[in-house]
């Protein structure tokens, strides 16, 4: 199934959408405006393990030291 985002321009269209939902032909999913106002760091918190984060930090340190050494 596809998920579509639509902008309702008329109350008649909204009524049609509600009728389609009542016939169980579509499912209306309301966008949560509050979640989009979160900081990116809040949205991604906990998405990688501590071990992976530590490994990435070490790699970054290595790359930065190599970059500074070459300048």
PDB file of N, CA and C in Angstrom:
ATOM      1  N   UNK A   1       0.832  -1.189   0.000  1.00  0.00           N
ATOM      2  CA  UNK A   1       0.000   0.000   0.000  1.00  0.00           C
ATOM      3  C   UNK A   1       0.874   1.249   0.000  1.00  0.00           C
ATOM      4  N   UNK A   2       0.372   2.299  -0.568  1.00  0.00           N
ATOM      5  CA  UNK A   2       1.081   3.571  -0.615  1.00  0.00           C
ATOM      6  C   UNK A   2       0.555   4.504   0.462  1.00  0.00           C
ATOM      7  N   UNK A   3       1.428   5.353   0.954  1.00  0.00           N
ATOM      8  CA  UNK A   3       1.035   6.398   1.884  1.00  0.00           C
ATOM      9  C   UNK A   3       1.166   7.725   1.156  1.00  0.00           C
ATOM     10  N   UNK A   4       0.102   8.504   1.164  1.00  0.00           N
ATOM     11  CA  UNK A   4       0.073   9.778   0.464  1.00  0.00           C
ATOM     12  C   UNK A   4      -0.191  10.904   1.444  1.00  0.00           C
ATOM     13  N   UNK A   5       0.354  12.052   1.143  1.00  0.00           N
ATOM     14  CA  UNK A   5       0.044  13.258   1.901  1.00  0.00           C
ATOM     15  C   UNK A   5      -0.792  14.142   0.998  1.00  0.00           C
ATOM     16  N   UNK A   6      -1.935  14.558   1.493  1.00  0.00           N
ATOM     17  CA  UNK A   6      -2.805  15.406   0.689  1.00  0.00           C
ATOM     18  C   UNK A   6      -3.142  16.674   1.458  1.00  0.00           C
ATOM     19  N   UNK A   7      -3.473  17.696   0.712  1.00  0.00           N
ATOM     20  CA  UNK A   7      -3.924  18.950   1.305  1.00  0.00           C
ATOM     21  C   UNK A   7      -5.378  19.143   0.902  1.00  0.00           C
ATOM     22  N   UNK A   8      -6.257  19.181   1.882  1.00  0.00           N
ATOM     23  CA  UNK A   8      -7.685  19.317   1.620  1.00  0.00           C
ATOM     24  C   UNK A   8      -7.988  20.795   1.383  1.00  0.00           C
ATOM     25  N   UNK A   9      -8.598  21.079   0.230  1.00  0.00           N
ATOM     26  CA  UNK A   9      -8.876  22.471  -0.134  1.00  0.00           C
ATOM     27  C   UNK A   9     -10.339  22.853   0.072  1.00  0.00           C
ATOM     28  N   UNK A  10     -11.171  21.865   0.323  1.00  0.00           N
ATOM     29  CA  UNK A  10     -12.597  22.159   0.416  1.00  0.00           C
ATOM     30  C   UNK A  10     -13.234  21.199   1.420  1.00  0.00           C
ATOM     31  N   UNK A  11     -14.226  21.674   2.132  1.00  0.00           N
ATOM     32  CA  UNK A  11     -14.890  20.835   3.129  1.00  0.00           C
ATOM     33  C   UNK A  11     -15.610  19.651   2.485  1.00  0.00           C
ATOM     34  N   UNK A  12     -16.032  19.795   1.211  1.00  0.00           N
ATOM     35  CA  UNK A  12     -16.670  18.681   0.503  1.00  0.00           C
ATOM     36  C   UNK A  12     -15.664  17.540   0.310  1.00  0.00           C
ATOM     37  N   UNK A  13     -14.433  17.892   0.016  1.00  0.00           N
ATOM     38  CA  UNK A  13     -13.398  16.876  -0.150  1.00  0.00           C
ATOM     39  C   UNK A  13     -13.144  16.152   1.162  1.00  0.00           C
ATOM     40  N   UNK A  14     -13.148  16.897   2.265  1.00  0.00           N
ATOM     41  CA  UNK A  14     -12.954  16.286   3.574  1.00  0.00           C
ATOM     42  C   UNK A  14     -14.071  15.293   3.869  1.00  0.00           C
ATOM     43  N   UNK A  15     -15.286  15.640   3.503  1.00  0.00           N
ATOM     44  CA  UNK A  15     -16.429  14.739   3.702  1.00  0.00           C
ATOM     45  C   UNK A  15     -16.237  13.463   2.883  1.00  0.00           C
ATOM     46  N   UNK A  16     -15.756  13.611   1.653  1.00  0.00           N
ATOM     47  CA  UNK A  16     -15.507  12.435   0.815  1.00  0.00           C
ATOM     48  C   UNK A  16     -14.446  11.528   1.443  1.00  0.00           C
ATOM     49  N   UNK A  17     -13.401  12.140   1.973  1.00  0.00           N
ATOM     50  CA  UNK A  17     -12.339  11.375   2.622  1.00  0.00           C
ATOM     51  C   UNK A  17     -12.885  10.632   3.834  1.00  0.00           C
ATOM     52  N   UNK A  18     -13.715  11.301   4.607  1.00  0.00           N
ATOM     53  CA  UNK A  18     -14.321  10.653   5.778  1.00  0.00           C
ATOM     54  C   UNK A  18     -15.219   9.492   5.357  1.00  0.00           C
ATOM     55  N   UNK A  19     -15.932   9.654   4.240  1.00  0.00           N
ATOM     56  CA  UNK A  19     -16.781   8.572   3.730  1.00  0.00           C
ATOM     57  C   UNK A  19     -15.935   7.382   3.297  1.00  0.00           C
ATOM     58  N   UNK A  20     -14.821   7.655   2.618  1.00  0.00           N
ATOM     59  CA  UNK A  20     -13.924   6.569   2.203  1.00  0.00           C
ATOM     60  C   UNK A  20     -13.359   5.840   3.409  1.00  0.00           C
ATOM     61  N   UNK A  21     -13.058   6.587   4.449  1.00  0.00           N
ATOM     62  CA  UNK A  21     -12.543   5.963   5.669  1.00  0.00           C
ATOM     63  C   UNK A  21     -13.615   5.110   6.330  1.00  0.00           C
ATOM     64  N   UNK A  22     -14.846   5.595   6.357  1.00  0.00           N
ATOM     65  CA  UNK A  22     -15.922   4.826   6.992  1.00  0.00           C
ATOM     66  C   UNK A  22     -16.219   3.543   6.220  1.00  0.00           C
ATOM     67  N   UNK A  23     -15.948   3.529   4.921  1.00  0.00           N
ATOM     68  CA  UNK A  23     -16.108   2.319   4.116  1.00  0.00           C
ATOM     69  C   UNK A  23     -14.900   1.396   4.218  1.00  0.00           C
ATOM     70  N   UNK A  24     -13.935   1.789   5.033  1.00  0.00           N
ATOM     71  CA  UNK A  24     -12.704   1.025   5.258  1.00  0.00           C
ATOM     72  C   UNK A  24     -11.889   0.847   3.970  1.00  0.00           C
ATOM     73  N   UNK A  25     -11.960   1.877   3.115  1.00  0.00           N
ATOM     74  CA  UNK A  25     -11.170   1.869   1.888  1.00  0.00           C
ATOM     75  C   UNK A  25      -9.831   2.577   2.080  1.00  0.00           C
ATOM     76  N   UNK A  26      -9.804   3.518   2.999  1.00  0.00           N
ATOM     77  CA  UNK A  26      -8.575   4.245   3.312  1.00  0.00           C
ATOM     78  C   UNK A  26      -8.463   4.385   4.820  1.00  0.00           C
ATOM     79  N   UNK A  27      -7.279   4.741   5.273  1.00  0.00           N
ATOM     80  CA  UNK A  27      -7.061   5.043   6.679  1.00  0.00           C
ATOM     81  C   UNK A  27      -6.456   6.433   6.750  1.00  0.00           C
ATOM     82  N   UNK A  28      -7.059   7.308   7.518  1.00  0.00           N
ATOM     83  CA  UNK A  28      -6.552   8.657   7.684  1.00  0.00           C
ATOM     84  C   UNK A  28      -5.560   8.651   8.838  1.00  0.00           C
ATOM     85  N   UNK A  29      -4.361   9.134   8.539  1.00  0.00           N
ATOM     86  CA  UNK A  29      -3.312   9.226   9.546  1.00  0.00           C
ATOM     87  C   UNK A  29      -3.007  10.702   9.730  1.00  0.00           C
ATOM     88  N   UNK A  30      -3.278  11.200  10.911  1.00  0.00           N
ATOM     89  CA  UNK A  30      -3.058  12.619  11.182  1.00  0.00           C
ATOM     90  C   UNK A  30      -1.594  12.860  11.507  1.00  0.00           C
ATOM     91  N   UNK A  31      -1.035  13.900  10.891  1.00  0.00           N
ATOM     92  CA  UNK A  31       0.349  14.263  11.178  1.00  0.00           C
ATOM     93  C   UNK A  31       0.429  14.883  12.553  1.00  0.00           C
ATOM     94  N   UNK A  32       1.445  14.467  13.315  1.00  0.00           N
ATOM     95  CA  UNK A  32       1.665  15.007  14.647  1.00  0.00           C
ATOM     96  C   UNK A  32       2.586  16.215  14.521  1.00  0.00           C
ATOM     97  N   UNK A  33       2.028  17.408  14.598  1.00  0.00           N
ATOM     98  CA  UNK A  33       2.795  18.635  14.419  1.00  0.00           C
ATOM     99  C   UNK A  33       3.820  18.793  15.524  1.00  0.00           C
ATOM    100  N   UNK A  34       3.518  18.337  16.720  1.00  0.00           N
ATOM    101  CA  UNK A  34       4.433  18.488  17.843  1.00  0.00           C
ATOM    102  C   UNK A  34       5.722  17.710  17.632  1.00  0.00           C
ATOM    103  N   UNK A  35       5.648  16.524  17.035  1.00  0.00           N
ATOM    104  CA  UNK A  35       6.849  15.727  16.848  1.00  0.00           C
ATOM    105  C   UNK A  35       7.802  16.367  15.850  1.00  0.00           C
ATOM    106  N   UNK A  36       7.263  17.137  14.889  1.00  0.00           N
ATOM    107  CA  UNK A  36       8.135  17.775  13.916  1.00  0.00           C
ATOM    108  C   UNK A  36       8.862  18.973  14.511  1.00  0.00           C
ATOM    109  N   UNK A  37       8.410  19.451  15.669  1.00  0.00           N
ATOM    110  CA  UNK A  37       9.071  20.582  16.291  1.00  0.00           C
ATOM    111  C   UNK A  37      10.228  20.140  17.190  1.00  0.00           C
ATOM    112  N   UNK A  38      10.428  18.830  17.311  1.00  0.00           N
ATOM    113  CA  UNK A  38      11.531  18.332  18.121  1.00  0.00           C
ATOM    114  C   UNK A  38      12.855  18.584  17.417  1.00  0.00           C
ATOM    115  N   UNK A  39      13.892  18.742  18.203  1.00  0.00           N
ATOM    116  CA  UNK A  39      15.227  18.871  17.649  1.00  0.00           C
ATOM    117  C   UNK A  39      15.630  17.547  17.022  1.00  0.00           C
ATOM    118  N   UNK A  40      16.482  17.631  16.014  1.00  0.00           N
ATOM    119  CA  UNK A  40      16.953  16.415  15.360  1.00  0.00           C
ATOM    120  C   UNK A  40      17.654  15.501  16.359  1.00  0.00           C
ATOM    121  N   UNK A  41      18.421  16.090  17.276  1.00  0.00           N
ATOM    122  CA  UNK A  41      19.124  15.277  18.272  1.00  0.00           C
ATOM    123  C   UNK A  41      18.138  14.518  19.164  1.00  0.00           C
ATOM    124  N   UNK A  42      16.972  15.112  19.445  1.00  0.00           N
ATOM    125  CA  UNK A  42      15.954  14.431  20.253  1.00  0.00           C
ATOM    126  C   UNK A  42      15.323  13.287  19.471  1.00  0.00           C
ATOM    127  N   UNK A  43      15.126  13.494  18.170  1.00  0.00           N
ATOM    128  CA  UNK A  43      14.524  12.448  17.352  1.00  0.00           C
ATOM    129  C   UNK A  43      15.452  11.249  17.211  1.00  0.00           C
ATOM    130  N   UNK A  44      16.760  11.518  17.130  1.00  0.00           N
ATOM    131  CA  UNK A  44      17.717  10.448  16.879  1.00  0.00           C
ATOM    132  C   UNK A  44      18.331   9.859  18.139  1.00  0.00           C
ATOM    133  N   UNK A  45      17.990  10.392  19.293  1.00  0.00           N
ATOM    134  CA  UNK A  45      18.570   9.910  20.545  1.00  0.00           C
ATOM    135  C   UNK A  45      18.318   8.411  20.706  1.00  0.00           C
ATOM    136  N   UNK A  46      19.389   7.670  20.974  1.00  0.00           N
ATOM    137  CA  UNK A  46      19.282   6.241  21.190  1.00  0.00           C
ATOM    138  C   UNK A  46      19.215   5.411  19.921  1.00  0.00           C
ATOM    139  N   UNK A  47      19.427   6.033  18.754  1.00  0.00           N
ATOM    140  CA  UNK A  47      19.312   5.285  17.504  1.00  0.00           C
ATOM    141  C   UNK A  47      20.541   4.419  17.224  1.00  0.00           C
ATOM    142  N   UNK A  48      21.668   4.722  17.875  1.00  0.00           N
ATOM    143  CA  UNK A  48      22.847   3.862  17.754  1.00  0.00           C
ATOM    144  C   UNK A  48      23.321   3.483  19.152  1.00  0.00           C
ATOM    145  N   UNK A  49      24.024   2.379  19.226  1.00  0.00           N
ATOM    146  CA  UNK A  49      24.487   1.912  20.536  1.00  0.00           C
ATOM    147  C   UNK A  49      25.656   2.758  21.025  1.00  0.00           C
ATOM    148  N   UNK A  50      25.926   2.697  22.318  1.00  0.00           N
ATOM    149  CA  UNK A  50      27.055   3.428  22.897  1.00  0.00           C
ATOM    150  C   UNK A  50      28.370   2.953  22.308  1.00  0.00           C
ATOM    151  N   UNK A  51      28.467   1.649  22.055  1.00  0.00           N
ATOM    152  CA  UNK A  51      29.696   1.100  21.476  1.00  0.00           C
ATOM    153  C   UNK A  51      29.951   1.670  20.084  1.00  0.00           C
ATOM    154  N   UNK A  52      28.892   1.735  19.264  1.00  0.00           N
ATOM    155  CA  UNK A  52      29.028   2.299  17.928  1.00  0.00           C
ATOM    156  C   UNK A  52      29.406   3.778  17.992  1.00  0.00           C
ATOM    157  N   UNK A  53      28.798   4.499  18.919  1.00  0.00           N
ATOM    158  CA  UNK A  53      29.100   5.917  19.071  1.00  0.00           C
ATOM    159  C   UNK A  53      30.554   6.118  19.485  1.00  0.00           C
ATOM    160  N   UNK A  54      31.041   5.296  20.407  1.00  0.00           N
ATOM    161  CA  UNK A  54      32.441   5.389  20.833  1.00  0.00           C
ATOM    162  C   UNK A  54      33.381   5.080  19.676  1.00  0.00           C
ATOM    163  N   UNK A  55      33.051   4.077  18.902  1.00  0.00           N
ATOM    164  CA  UNK A  55      33.863   3.712  17.750  1.00  0.00           C
ATOM    165  C   UNK A  55      33.917   4.855  16.736  1.00  0.00           C
ATOM    166  N   UNK A  56      32.789   5.480  16.496  1.00  0.00           N
ATOM    167  CA  UNK A  56      32.740   6.615  15.564  1.00  0.00           C
ATOM    168  C   UNK A  56      33.566   7.789  16.083  1.00  0.00           C
ATOM    169  N   UNK A  57      33.489   8.038  17.369  1.00  0.00           N
ATOM    170  CA  UNK A  57      34.272   9.119  17.961  1.00  0.00           C
ATOM    171  C   UNK A  57      35.770   8.874  17.786  1.00  0.00           C
ATOM    172  N   UNK A  58      36.199   7.632  17.985  1.00  0.00           N
ATOM    173  CA  UNK A  58      37.609   7.288  17.802  1.00  0.00           C
ATOM    174  C   UNK A  58      38.046   7.501  16.358  1.00  0.00           C
ATOM    175  N   UNK A  59      37.212   7.084  15.421  1.00  0.00           N
ATOM    176  CA  UNK A  59      37.524   7.286  14.008  1.00  0.00           C
ATOM    177  C   UNK A  59      37.636   8.776  13.678  1.00  0.00           C
ATOM    178  N   UNK A  60      36.722   9.570  14.224  1.00  0.00           N
ATOM    179  CA  UNK A  60      36.775  11.017  13.998  1.00  0.00           C
ATOM    180  C   UNK A  60      38.062  11.618  14.545  1.00  0.00           C
ATOM    181  N   UNK A  61      38.467  11.184  15.724  1.00  0.00           N
ATOM    182  CA  UNK A  61      39.717  11.671  16.309  1.00  0.00           C
ATOM    183  C   UNK A  61      40.903  11.350  15.411  1.00  0.00           C
ATOM    184  N   UNK A  62      40.921  10.106  14.881  1.00  0.00           N
ATOM    185  CA  UNK A  62      42.006   9.694  13.985  1.00  0.00           C
ATOM    186  C   UNK A  62      42.029  10.562  12.724  1.00  0.00           C
ATOM    187  N   UNK A  63      40.860  10.749  12.134  1.00  0.00           N
ATOM    188  CA  UNK A  63      40.787  11.551  10.911  1.00  0.00           C
ATOM    189  C   UNK A  63      41.217  12.993  11.153  1.00  0.00           C
ATOM    190  N   UNK A  64      40.795  13.560  12.269  1.00  0.00           N
ATOM    191  CA  UNK A  64      41.169  14.946  12.580  1.00  0.00           C
ATOM    192  C   UNK A  64      42.669  15.078  12.814  1.00  0.00           C
ATOM    193  N   UNK A  65      43.249  14.105  13.490  1.00  0.00           N
ATOM    194  CA  UNK A  65      44.686  14.183  13.749  1.00  0.00           C
ATOM    195  C   UNK A  65      45.468  14.039  12.449  1.00  0.00           C
ATOM    196  N   UNK A  66      45.003  13.202  11.532  1.00  0.00           N
ATOM    197  CA  UNK A  66      45.663  13.075  10.236  1.00  0.00           C
ATOM    198  C   UNK A  66      45.530  14.352   9.429  1.00  0.00           C
ATOM    199  N   UNK A  67      44.378  14.979   9.482  1.00  0.00           N
ATOM    200  CA  UNK A  67      44.137  16.209   8.740  1.00  0.00           C
ATOM    201  C   UNK A  67      45.041  17.326   9.286  1.00  0.00           C
ATOM    202  N   UNK A  68      45.113  17.447  10.588  1.00  0.00           N
ATOM    203  CA  UNK A  68      45.949  18.484  11.220  1.00  0.00           C
ATOM    204  C   UNK A  68      47.436  18.233  10.949  1.00  0.00           C
ATOM    205  N   UNK A  69      47.838  16.978  10.887  1.00  0.00           N
ATOM    206  CA  UNK A  69      49.225  16.622  10.631  1.00  0.00           C
ATOM    207  C   UNK A  69      49.637  17.015   9.224  1.00  0.00           C
ATOM    208  N   UNK A  70      48.718  16.942   8.262  1.00  0.00           N
ATOM    209  CA  UNK A  70      49.027  17.235   6.856  1.00  0.00           C
ATOM    210  C   UNK A  70      49.013  18.723   6.536  1.00  0.00           C
ATOM    211  N   UNK A  71      48.567  19.574   7.430  1.00  0.00           N
ATOM    212  CA  UNK A  71      48.506  21.009   7.116  1.00  0.00           C
ATOM    213  C   UNK A  71      49.691  21.734   7.659  1.00  0.00           C
TER     214      UNK A  71
END
